[in-house]
Amino acid sequence: MSQRNFVIASHSFLINKGLSSLIREFRNHCVCEIIESIEALEESLRTHQPNFLLISTEFLKDINPIQFNNLYKLSPTTEIIQISKNSETVPNYPTISIHWSRKEIMHFFLNLQHRVSELEALVNSELSEREKVILSHVATGKTNKEIADFENISIHTVITHRKNITAKLGIKSISGLTVYAIFNGLIAMEDVE
């Protein structure tokens, strides 16, 4: 498992220290920096390119759309997780509540670790060039017969390729295979019916 780097951005000393302490309990987790200003956050993202940014909702709400866009450009792969002091949260971001127990926060990080490991496994799965071609057909909605006719192979060969793809990726549903194909650039969103 590769190291996961975190940057924490909050104006609260207790939140910063508490989350930092919990994160360090996980093997391969590192808190690169604790930030208390937007300017420092820009520099930290530029320097560390962290996997995760834990940011308080108050801090997040202080960032205007232009600044947010600039932050995204500095570190486009950084996942944002908001730290909430109350029920007000910014939509579309996973949330940690400061009212959670230690057990609940640890459970959140365990789930996060598990999800990231699964995504890494998907990205690192090596499909052959032929399997990528078959997957692109499957993801665009073609049947086994249509794929066989288009590629001039038997239906049995198509089925074998599909079984191998499913085994390598651990994805059984067509929708999951479609997401994988889009995510890995095998097809474009426009190719999906």
C-alpha atoms as a PDB file:
ATOM      1  CA  MET A   1       0.000   0.000   0.000  1.00  0.00           C
ATOM      2  CA  SER A   2       1.388   3.410  -0.932  1.00  0.00           C
ATOM      3  CA  GLN A   3       1.623   6.268   1.529  1.00  0.00           C
ATOM      4  CA  ARG A   4      -1.408   8.545   1.863  1.00  0.00           C
ATOM      5  CA  ASN A   5      -0.582  12.190   2.444  1.00  0.00           C
ATOM      6  CA  PHE A   6      -2.951  14.560   4.223  1.00  0.00           C
ATOM      7  CA  VAL A   7      -3.073  18.326   4.645  1.00  0.00           C
ATOM      8  CA  ILE A   8      -5.355  19.671   7.374  1.00  0.00           C
ATOM      9  CA  ALA A   9      -6.831  23.163   6.988  1.00  0.00           C
ATOM     10  CA  SER A  10      -8.707  24.505   9.995  1.00  0.00           C
ATOM     11  CA  HIS A  11      -8.568  27.534  12.297  1.00  0.00           C
ATOM     12  CA  SER A  12      -9.067  25.269  15.338  1.00  0.00           C
ATOM     13  CA  PHE A  13      -5.962  24.130  17.200  1.00  0.00           C
ATOM     14  CA  LEU A  14      -7.847  21.244  18.831  1.00  0.00           C
ATOM     15  CA  ILE A  15      -9.288  19.958  15.552  1.00  0.00           C
ATOM     16  CA  ASN A  16      -5.887  20.163  13.870  1.00  0.00           C
ATOM     17  CA  LYS A  17      -4.093  18.316  16.661  1.00  0.00           C
ATOM     18  CA  GLY A  18      -6.845  15.736  17.174  1.00  0.00           C
ATOM     19  CA  LEU A  19      -7.175  14.758  13.502  1.00  0.00           C
ATOM     20  CA  SER A  20      -3.420  14.808  13.038  1.00  0.00           C
ATOM     21  CA  SER A  21      -3.008  12.429  15.978  1.00  0.00           C
ATOM     22  CA  LEU A  22      -5.677  10.027  14.666  1.00  0.00           C
ATOM     23  CA  ILE A  23      -4.318   9.989  11.104  1.00  0.00           C
ATOM     24  CA  ARG A  24      -0.819   9.157  12.321  1.00  0.00           C
ATOM     25  CA  GLU A  25      -2.176   6.024  14.001  1.00  0.00           C
ATOM     26  CA  PHE A  26      -2.710   4.498  10.560  1.00  0.00           C
ATOM     27  CA  ARG A  27       0.250   2.853   8.905  1.00  0.00           C
ATOM     28  CA  ASN A  28       1.265   4.609   5.674  1.00  0.00           C
ATOM     29  CA  HIS A  29      -0.667   7.784   6.567  1.00  0.00           C
ATOM     30  CA  CYS A  30       1.199  11.052   6.923  1.00  0.00           C
ATOM     31  CA  VAL A  31       0.070  14.573   7.808  1.00  0.00           C
ATOM     32  CA  CYS A  32       2.263  16.780   5.602  1.00  0.00           C
ATOM     33  CA  GLU A  33       1.120  20.075   7.007  1.00  0.00           C
ATOM     34  CA  ILE A  34      -1.470  21.833   9.141  1.00  0.00           C
ATOM     35  CA  ILE A  35      -2.737  25.043   7.510  1.00  0.00           C
ATOM     36  CA  GLU A  36      -4.426  28.076   9.035  1.00  0.00           C
ATOM     37  CA  SER A  37      -4.703  30.465   6.035  1.00  0.00           C
ATOM     38  CA  ILE A  38      -5.752  30.276   2.387  1.00  0.00           C
ATOM     39  CA  GLU A  39      -2.352  31.560   1.221  1.00  0.00           C
ATOM     40  CA  ALA A  40      -0.584  28.819   3.166  1.00  0.00           C
ATOM     41  CA  LEU A  41      -3.040  26.285   1.719  1.00  0.00           C
ATOM     42  CA  GLU A  42      -2.095  27.258  -1.855  1.00  0.00           C
ATOM     43  CA  GLU A  43       1.594  26.798  -1.101  1.00  0.00           C
ATOM     44  CA  SER A  44       0.975  23.499   0.696  1.00  0.00           C
ATOM     45  CA  LEU A  45      -1.023  22.040  -2.197  1.00  0.00           C
ATOM     46  CA  ARG A  46       1.643  23.160  -4.650  1.00  0.00           C
ATOM     47  CA  THR A  47       4.444  21.663  -2.554  1.00  0.00           C
ATOM     48  CA  HIS A  48       2.930  18.442  -1.192  1.00  0.00           C
ATOM     49  CA  GLN A  49       0.292  17.425  -3.767  1.00  0.00           C
ATOM     50  CA  PRO A  50      -1.540  15.551  -0.965  1.00  0.00           C
ATOM     51  CA  ASN A  51      -3.946  12.690  -1.524  1.00  0.00           C
ATOM     52  CA  PHE A  52      -6.438  14.293   0.875  1.00  0.00           C
ATOM     53  CA  LEU A  53      -7.262  17.764   2.104  1.00  0.00           C
ATOM     54  CA  LEU A  54      -9.172  17.795   5.393  1.00  0.00           C
ATOM     55  CA  ILE A  55     -10.708  21.248   5.502  1.00  0.00           C
ATOM     56  CA  SER A  56     -13.170  22.803   7.948  1.00  0.00           C
ATOM     57  CA  THR A  57     -16.496  23.943   6.493  1.00  0.00           C
ATOM     58  CA  GLU A  58     -15.774  27.468   7.775  1.00  0.00           C
ATOM     59  CA  PHE A  59     -12.444  27.486   5.941  1.00  0.00           C
ATOM     60  CA  LEU A  60     -14.081  26.007   2.841  1.00  0.00           C
ATOM     61  CA  LYS A  61     -16.835  28.657   2.821  1.00  0.00           C
ATOM     62  CA  ASP A  62     -14.219  31.439   3.023  1.00  0.00           C
ATOM     63  CA  ILE A  63     -12.721  30.332  -0.297  1.00  0.00           C
ATOM     64  CA  ASN A  64     -14.301  32.101  -3.256  1.00  0.00           C
ATOM     65  CA  PRO A  65     -14.910  30.199  -6.534  1.00  0.00           C
ATOM     66  CA  ILE A  66     -11.839  31.700  -8.251  1.00  0.00           C
ATOM     67  CA  GLN A  67      -9.571  30.729  -5.356  1.00  0.00           C
ATOM     68  CA  PHE A  68     -11.132  27.271  -5.270  1.00  0.00           C
ATOM     69  CA  ASN A  69     -10.499  26.815  -8.992  1.00  0.00           C
ATOM     70  CA  ASN A  70      -6.866  27.862  -8.475  1.00  0.00           C
ATOM     71  CA  LEU A  71      -6.515  25.374  -5.607  1.00  0.00           C
ATOM     72  CA  TYR A  72      -7.919  22.619  -7.813  1.00  0.00           C
ATOM     73  CA  LYS A  73      -5.431  23.455 -10.569  1.00  0.00           C
ATOM     74  CA  LEU A  74      -2.559  23.273  -8.064  1.00  0.00           C
ATOM     75  CA  SER A  75      -3.472  19.748  -7.005  1.00  0.00           C
ATOM     76  CA  PRO A  76      -6.230  18.244  -9.186  1.00  0.00           C
ATOM     77  CA  THR A  77      -5.997  14.732  -7.718  1.00  0.00           C
ATOM     78  CA  THR A  78      -6.402  15.840  -4.093  1.00  0.00           C
ATOM     79  CA  GLU A  79      -9.665  14.627  -2.580  1.00  0.00           C
ATOM     80  CA  ILE A  80     -11.437  17.107  -0.307  1.00  0.00           C
ATOM     81  CA  ILE A  81     -12.958  15.952   2.984  1.00  0.00           C
ATOM     82  CA  GLN A  82     -14.774  18.572   5.025  1.00  0.00           C
ATOM     83  CA  ILE A  83     -14.629  18.860   8.784  1.00  0.00           C
ATOM     84  CA  SER A  84     -18.020  19.972  10.114  1.00  0.00           C
ATOM     85  CA  LYS A  85     -18.736  21.618  13.459  1.00  0.00           C
ATOM     86  CA  ASN A  86     -22.509  21.654  12.881  1.00  0.00           C
ATOM     87  CA  SER A  87     -25.060  20.324  10.427  1.00  0.00           C
ATOM     88  CA  GLU A  88     -24.136  22.893   7.756  1.00  0.00           C
ATOM     89  CA  THR A  89     -21.923  21.276   5.155  1.00  0.00           C
ATOM     90  CA  VAL A  90     -20.882  22.011   1.600  1.00  0.00           C
ATOM     91  CA  PRO A  91     -22.596  19.519  -0.747  1.00  0.00           C
ATOM     92  CA  ASN A  92     -20.642  16.853  -2.647  1.00  0.00           C
ATOM     93  CA  TYR A  93     -17.816  16.353  -0.168  1.00  0.00           C
ATOM     94  CA  PRO A  94     -17.401  13.549   2.353  1.00  0.00           C
ATOM     95  CA  THR A  95     -17.752  14.890   5.893  1.00  0.00           C
ATOM     96  CA  ILE A  96     -16.190  14.252   9.279  1.00  0.00           C
ATOM     97  CA  SER A  97     -18.120  15.734  12.189  1.00  0.00           C
ATOM     98  CA  ILE A  98     -16.244  17.058  15.200  1.00  0.00           C
ATOM     99  CA  HIS A  99     -19.068  15.573  17.278  1.00  0.00           C
ATOM    100  CA  TRP A 100     -18.195  12.035  16.232  1.00  0.00           C
ATOM    101  CA  SER A 101     -16.563   9.718  18.702  1.00  0.00           C
ATOM    102  CA  ARG A 102     -12.995   8.544  18.210  1.00  0.00           C
ATOM    103  CA  LYS A 103     -14.404   5.188  17.067  1.00  0.00           C
ATOM    104  CA  GLU A 104     -16.601   6.848  14.399  1.00  0.00           C
ATOM    105  CA  ILE A 105     -13.700   8.909  13.044  1.00  0.00           C
ATOM    106  CA  MET A 106     -11.417   5.862  12.969  1.00  0.00           C
ATOM    107  CA  HIS A 107     -14.168   3.954  11.128  1.00  0.00           C
ATOM    108  CA  PHE A 108     -14.378   6.810   8.584  1.00  0.00           C
ATOM    109  CA  PHE A 109     -10.623   6.571   7.922  1.00  0.00           C
ATOM    110  CA  LEU A 110     -10.764   2.770   7.672  1.00  0.00           C
ATOM    111  CA  ASN A 111     -13.525   3.060   5.053  1.00  0.00           C
ATOM    112  CA  LEU A 112     -11.526   5.727   3.243  1.00  0.00           C
ATOM    113  CA  GLN A 113      -8.446   3.517   3.265  1.00  0.00           C
ATOM    114  CA  HIS A 114     -10.477   0.573   1.943  1.00  0.00           C
ATOM    115  CA  ARG A 115     -12.081   2.641  -0.842  1.00  0.00           C
ATOM    116  CA  VAL A 116      -8.747   4.071  -1.961  1.00  0.00           C
ATOM    117  CA  SER A 117      -7.183   0.595  -1.967  1.00  0.00           C
ATOM    118  CA  GLU A 118     -10.009  -0.681  -4.170  1.00  0.00           C
ATOM    119  CA  LEU A 119      -9.558   2.236  -6.599  1.00  0.00           C
ATOM    120  CA  GLU A 120      -5.805   1.615  -6.753  1.00  0.00           C
ATOM    121  CA  ALA A 121      -6.453  -2.037  -7.508  1.00  0.00           C
ATOM    122  CA  LEU A 122      -8.736  -1.022 -10.376  1.00  0.00           C
ATOM    123  CA  VAL A 123      -6.244   1.433 -11.796  1.00  0.00           C
ATOM    124  CA  ASN A 124      -3.365  -1.017 -11.448  1.00  0.00           C
ATOM    125  CA  SER A 125      -5.198  -3.954 -13.048  1.00  0.00           C
ATOM    126  CA  GLU A 126      -3.501  -4.730 -16.295  1.00  0.00           C
ATOM    127  CA  LEU A 127      -5.749  -5.573 -19.186  1.00  0.00           C
ATOM    128  CA  SER A 128      -4.299  -6.788 -22.449  1.00  0.00           C
ATOM    129  CA  GLU A 129      -4.817  -4.598 -25.501  1.00  0.00           C
ATOM    130  CA  ARG A 130      -7.373  -7.100 -26.810  1.00  0.00           C
ATOM    131  CA  GLU A 131      -9.266  -7.030 -23.492  1.00  0.00           C
ATOM    132  CA  LYS A 132      -9.328  -3.227 -23.629  1.00  0.00           C
ATOM    133  CA  VAL A 133     -10.917  -3.378 -27.089  1.00  0.00           C
ATOM    134  CA  ILE A 134     -13.533  -5.883 -25.917  1.00  0.00           C
ATOM    135  CA  LEU A 135     -14.201  -3.793 -22.804  1.00  0.00           C
ATOM    136  CA  SER A 136     -14.756  -0.682 -24.929  1.00  0.00           C
ATOM    137  CA  HIS A 137     -17.389  -2.578 -26.932  1.00  0.00           C
ATOM    138  CA  VAL A 138     -19.079  -3.883 -23.765  1.00  0.00           C
ATOM    139  CA  ALA A 139     -19.085  -0.397 -22.233  1.00  0.00           C
ATOM    140  CA  THR A 140     -20.769   1.090 -25.292  1.00  0.00           C
ATOM    141  CA  GLY A 141     -23.597  -1.422 -25.017  1.00  0.00           C
ATOM    142  CA  LYS A 142     -22.771  -3.975 -27.692  1.00  0.00           C
ATOM    143  CA  THR A 143     -23.969  -7.562 -27.240  1.00  0.00           C
ATOM    144  CA  ASN A 144     -21.599 -10.550 -27.352  1.00  0.00           C
ATOM    145  CA  LYS A 145     -22.796 -11.349 -30.877  1.00  0.00           C
ATOM    146  CA  GLU A 146     -22.275  -7.756 -32.064  1.00  0.00           C
ATOM    147  CA  ILE A 147     -18.760  -7.726 -30.599  1.00  0.00           C
ATOM    148  CA  ALA A 148     -17.955 -11.104 -32.176  1.00  0.00           C
ATOM    149  CA  ASP A 149     -19.183  -9.940 -35.591  1.00  0.00           C
ATOM    150  CA  PHE A 150     -17.373  -6.591 -35.355  1.00  0.00           C
ATOM    151  CA  GLU A 151     -14.060  -8.134 -34.236  1.00  0.00           C
ATOM    152  CA  ASN A 152     -14.422 -11.221 -36.437  1.00  0.00           C
ATOM    153  CA  ILE A 153     -14.052 -13.643 -33.521  1.00  0.00           C
ATOM    154  CA  SER A 154     -16.316 -16.293 -32.031  1.00  0.00           C
ATOM    155  CA  ILE A 155     -18.911 -15.544 -29.365  1.00  0.00           C
ATOM    156  CA  HIS A 156     -17.084 -18.047 -27.143  1.00  0.00           C
ATOM    157  CA  THR A 157     -13.906 -15.913 -27.426  1.00  0.00           C
ATOM    158  CA  VAL A 158     -15.857 -12.778 -26.514  1.00  0.00           C
ATOM    159  CA  ILE A 159     -17.307 -14.533 -23.458  1.00  0.00           C
ATOM    160  CA  THR A 160     -13.818 -15.708 -22.428  1.00  0.00           C
ATOM    161  CA  HIS A 161     -12.461 -12.157 -22.744  1.00  0.00           C
ATOM    162  CA  ARG A 162     -15.363 -10.820 -20.670  1.00  0.00           C
ATOM    163  CA  LYS A 163     -14.730 -13.409 -17.947  1.00  0.00           C
ATOM    164  CA  ASN A 164     -11.033 -12.458 -17.881  1.00  0.00           C
ATOM    165  CA  ILE A 165     -11.868  -8.746 -17.708  1.00  0.00           C
ATOM    166  CA  THR A 166     -14.301  -9.323 -14.839  1.00  0.00           C
ATOM    167  CA  ALA A 167     -11.756 -11.472 -12.980  1.00  0.00           C
ATOM    168  CA  LYS A 168      -8.939  -8.946 -13.393  1.00  0.00           C
ATOM    169  CA  LEU A 169     -10.992  -5.899 -12.475  1.00  0.00           C
ATOM    170  CA  GLY A 170     -13.352  -7.457  -9.960  1.00  0.00           C
ATOM    171  CA  ILE A 171     -16.222  -5.595 -11.640  1.00  0.00           C
ATOM    172  CA  LYS A 172     -19.271  -7.624 -12.639  1.00  0.00           C
ATOM    173  CA  SER A 173     -21.852  -5.044 -13.705  1.00  0.00           C
ATOM    174  CA  ILE A 174     -21.936  -3.395 -17.120  1.00  0.00           C
ATOM    175  CA  SER A 175     -22.377   0.004 -15.465  1.00  0.00           C
ATOM    176  CA  GLY A 176     -19.228  -0.609 -13.384  1.00  0.00           C
ATOM    177  CA  LEU A 177     -17.287  -1.673 -16.484  1.00  0.00           C
ATOM    178  CA  THR A 178     -18.541   1.428 -18.282  1.00  0.00           C
ATOM    179  CA  VAL A 179     -17.327   3.697 -15.478  1.00  0.00           C
ATOM    180  CA  TYR A 180     -13.954   1.926 -15.539  1.00  0.00           C
ATOM    181  CA  ALA A 181     -13.710   2.351 -19.335  1.00  0.00           C
ATOM    182  CA  ILE A 182     -14.506   6.067 -19.122  1.00  0.00           C
ATOM    183  CA  PHE A 183     -12.183   6.600 -16.147  1.00  0.00           C
ATOM    184  CA  ASN A 184      -9.305   4.926 -17.998  1.00  0.00           C
ATOM    185  CA  GLY A 185      -9.894   6.685 -21.319  1.00  0.00           C
ATOM    186  CA  LEU A 186     -11.015   3.609 -23.248  1.00  0.00           C
ATOM    187  CA  ILE A 187     -14.226   5.360 -24.296  1.00  0.00           C
ATOM    188  CA  ALA A 188     -15.630   8.873 -24.057  1.00  0.00           C
ATOM    189  CA  MET A 189     -18.798   9.841 -22.177  1.00  0.00           C
ATOM    190  CA  GLU A 190     -20.414  10.595 -25.544  1.00  0.00           C
ATOM    191  CA  ASP A 191     -19.911   6.953 -26.618  1.00  0.00           C
ATOM    192  CA  VAL A 192     -22.335   5.702 -23.960  1.00  0.00           C
ATOM    193  CA  GLU A 193     -25.950   5.443 -25.067  1.00  0.00           C
END
